[in-house]
Amino acid sequence: MEHRTLDELRSSALTAPARAMTRREKLERWATLLERHTAPLKALAGIEFLTTDKRLALRGDNSPLALAYADPVLREQGLCSDQLGAGMAFFGLSSTEAHRLLCVCHCGRTVQGDQLAVRLRYAARHPVLFRFFNWL
């Protein structure tokens, strides 16, 4: 992990906006973080088979949600943990959307950040199409 001063963080291309981010902005930022992450990430297993309580508490080390939670800007905006429920609430994802984006049955055991970034951007830019069509 790289440590930076506040001045370095403020001058970074990914500094926090002064206002609350929209759903699209949050998803776009997450996509940018995923693109910059070069190592494979671990997808979440069995999302669709868990009870609601277990599904909402589901998390994984080195998952796409763990990467999002490691970002200070998203935490400042209100992302409170790397659990699936917190991610769904923060990014405005339905259970179906979260399943299609993060589950092993749609991604495989690991997923490359740039591949997931494409899907996230599609969900951000075309929310209605993403909810109803399963081609991505």
Protein backbone atom coordinates (compact mmCIF):
# COMPACT_ATOMS: atom_id res chain seq x y z
CA MET A 1 0.00 0.00 0.00
CA GLU A 2 1.29 3.41 -0.95
CA HIS A 3 1.13 6.21 1.61
CA ARG A 4 0.59 9.80 0.46
CA THR A 5 0.19 13.17 2.09
CA LEU A 6 -3.15 14.96 1.99
CA ASP A 7 -1.76 17.43 -0.54
CA GLU A 8 -0.74 14.56 -2.84
CA LEU A 9 -4.20 13.01 -2.53
CA ARG A 10 -5.89 16.33 -3.29
CA SER A 11 -3.84 16.78 -6.45
CA SER A 12 -4.52 13.22 -7.61
CA ALA A 13 -6.82 12.62 -10.58
CA LEU A 14 -9.15 10.67 -8.30
CA THR A 15 -9.74 13.26 -5.60
CA ALA A 16 -13.08 13.52 -3.88
CA PRO A 17 -15.74 15.83 -5.25
CA ALA A 18 -17.10 18.50 -2.91
CA ARG A 19 -20.66 17.15 -3.26
CA ALA A 20 -22.34 13.78 -2.97
CA MET A 21 -21.70 11.56 -5.98
CA THR A 22 -24.54 10.24 -8.12
CA ARG A 23 -25.03 6.51 -8.67
CA ARG A 24 -23.42 6.82 -12.08
CA GLU A 25 -20.42 8.69 -10.68
CA LYS A 26 -19.94 6.05 -7.98
CA LEU A 27 -20.05 3.23 -10.53
CA GLU A 28 -17.71 5.13 -12.87
CA ARG A 29 -15.21 5.68 -10.07
CA TRP A 30 -15.35 2.01 -9.10
CA ALA A 31 -14.78 1.11 -12.76
CA THR A 32 -11.74 3.40 -12.87
CA LEU A 33 -10.31 1.74 -9.76
CA LEU A 34 -10.88 -1.68 -11.31
CA GLU A 35 -9.14 -0.66 -14.54
CA ARG A 36 -6.09 0.48 -12.60
CA HIS A 37 -5.93 -2.76 -10.63
CA THR A 38 -3.87 -5.22 -12.66
CA ALA A 39 -4.10 -8.37 -10.52
CA PRO A 40 -7.09 -10.72 -10.72
CA LEU A 41 -9.86 -10.18 -8.17
CA LYS A 42 -11.90 -12.89 -6.48
CA ALA A 43 -15.58 -13.12 -7.33
CA LEU A 44 -18.12 -13.85 -4.58
CA ALA A 45 -19.45 -17.40 -4.41
CA GLY A 46 -23.05 -18.52 -4.16
CA ILE A 47 -24.76 -15.14 -3.92
CA GLU A 48 -28.05 -16.52 -5.19
CA PHE A 49 -28.13 -19.44 -2.75
CA LEU A 50 -27.64 -17.55 0.52
CA THR A 51 -30.31 -16.34 2.88
CA THR A 52 -30.86 -12.58 2.82
CA ASP A 53 -28.85 -12.02 6.02
CA LYS A 54 -25.91 -14.11 4.82
CA ARG A 55 -26.03 -12.54 1.35
CA LEU A 56 -25.90 -9.01 2.74
CA ALA A 57 -22.97 -9.95 5.04
CA LEU A 58 -21.04 -11.74 2.28
CA ARG A 59 -17.54 -10.41 1.65
CA GLY A 60 -14.23 -11.63 0.36
CA ASP A 61 -10.60 -10.63 0.60
CA ASN A 62 -9.32 -9.26 -2.72
CA SER A 63 -12.86 -8.93 -4.11
CA PRO A 64 -14.07 -6.06 -6.30
CA LEU A 65 -15.94 -4.70 -3.26
CA ALA A 66 -12.79 -4.88 -1.13
CA LEU A 67 -11.03 -2.80 -3.78
CA ALA A 68 -13.86 -0.25 -3.72
CA TYR A 69 -13.80 -0.11 0.08
CA ALA A 70 -10.04 0.51 0.06
CA ASP A 71 -10.66 3.76 -1.83
CA PRO A 72 -10.78 6.74 0.57
CA VAL A 73 -13.06 8.73 -1.73
CA LEU A 74 -15.75 6.05 -1.84
CA ARG A 75 -15.49 5.60 1.94
CA GLU A 76 -15.84 9.36 2.40
CA GLN A 77 -18.91 9.26 0.16
CA GLY A 78 -20.48 6.65 2.46
CA LEU A 79 -19.28 3.15 1.53
CA CYS A 80 -19.21 1.66 5.02
CA SER A 81 -17.74 -1.82 4.40
CA ASP A 82 -16.74 -4.35 1.77
CA GLN A 83 -19.80 -6.51 2.47
CA LEU A 84 -22.19 -7.18 -0.39
CA GLY A 85 -25.12 -5.47 1.35
CA ALA A 86 -23.14 -2.28 1.92
CA GLY A 87 -21.97 -2.31 -1.70
CA MET A 88 -25.49 -2.88 -3.02
CA ALA A 89 -26.87 -0.01 -0.95
CA PHE A 90 -24.02 2.38 -1.76
CA PHE A 91 -23.88 1.70 -5.50
CA GLY A 92 -27.66 1.33 -5.85
CA LEU A 93 -27.49 -2.26 -7.11
CA SER A 94 -30.40 -4.66 -6.98
CA SER A 95 -29.80 -8.26 -5.90
CA THR A 96 -29.95 -9.34 -9.54
CA GLU A 97 -27.45 -6.68 -10.64
CA ALA A 98 -25.04 -7.53 -7.81
CA HIS A 99 -25.31 -11.21 -8.70
CA ARG A 100 -24.62 -10.56 -12.39
CA LEU A 101 -21.65 -8.32 -11.63
CA LEU A 102 -19.94 -10.10 -8.73
CA CYS A 103 -20.89 -13.79 -8.55
CA VAL A 104 -18.64 -16.66 -9.67
CA CYS A 105 -21.39 -18.02 -11.92
CA HIS A 106 -21.15 -14.87 -14.09
CA CYS A 107 -17.44 -14.03 -13.64
CA GLY A 108 -15.65 -17.26 -12.85
CA ARG A 109 -13.62 -17.61 -9.66
CA THR A 110 -11.48 -14.64 -10.59
CA VAL A 111 -12.18 -11.60 -12.70
CA GLN A 112 -9.89 -9.06 -14.30
CA GLY A 113 -10.62 -5.51 -13.19
CA ASP A 114 -10.80 -4.13 -16.72
CA GLN A 115 -13.42 -6.72 -17.72
CA LEU A 116 -15.61 -5.90 -14.73
CA ALA A 117 -15.09 -2.18 -15.40
CA VAL A 118 -16.74 -2.57 -18.82
CA ARG A 119 -19.79 -4.19 -17.22
CA LEU A 120 -19.97 -1.56 -14.47
CA ARG A 121 -19.82 1.26 -16.99
CA TYR A 122 -22.59 -0.35 -18.99
CA ALA A 123 -24.69 -0.61 -15.82
CA ALA A 124 -23.94 3.05 -15.02
CA ARG A 125 -24.75 4.37 -18.49
CA HIS A 126 -27.67 2.07 -19.36
CA PRO A 127 -29.34 1.13 -16.07
CA VAL A 128 -32.65 0.03 -17.60
CA LEU A 129 -31.03 -2.15 -20.26
CA PHE A 130 -28.64 -3.65 -17.74
CA ARG A 131 -31.49 -4.64 -15.44
CA PHE A 132 -33.51 -6.39 -18.12
CA PHE A 133 -31.00 -7.86 -20.53
CA ASN A 134 -28.36 -10.43 -19.69
CA TRP A 135 -25.85 -10.05 -22.51
CA LEU A 136 -23.07 -8.58 -20.37
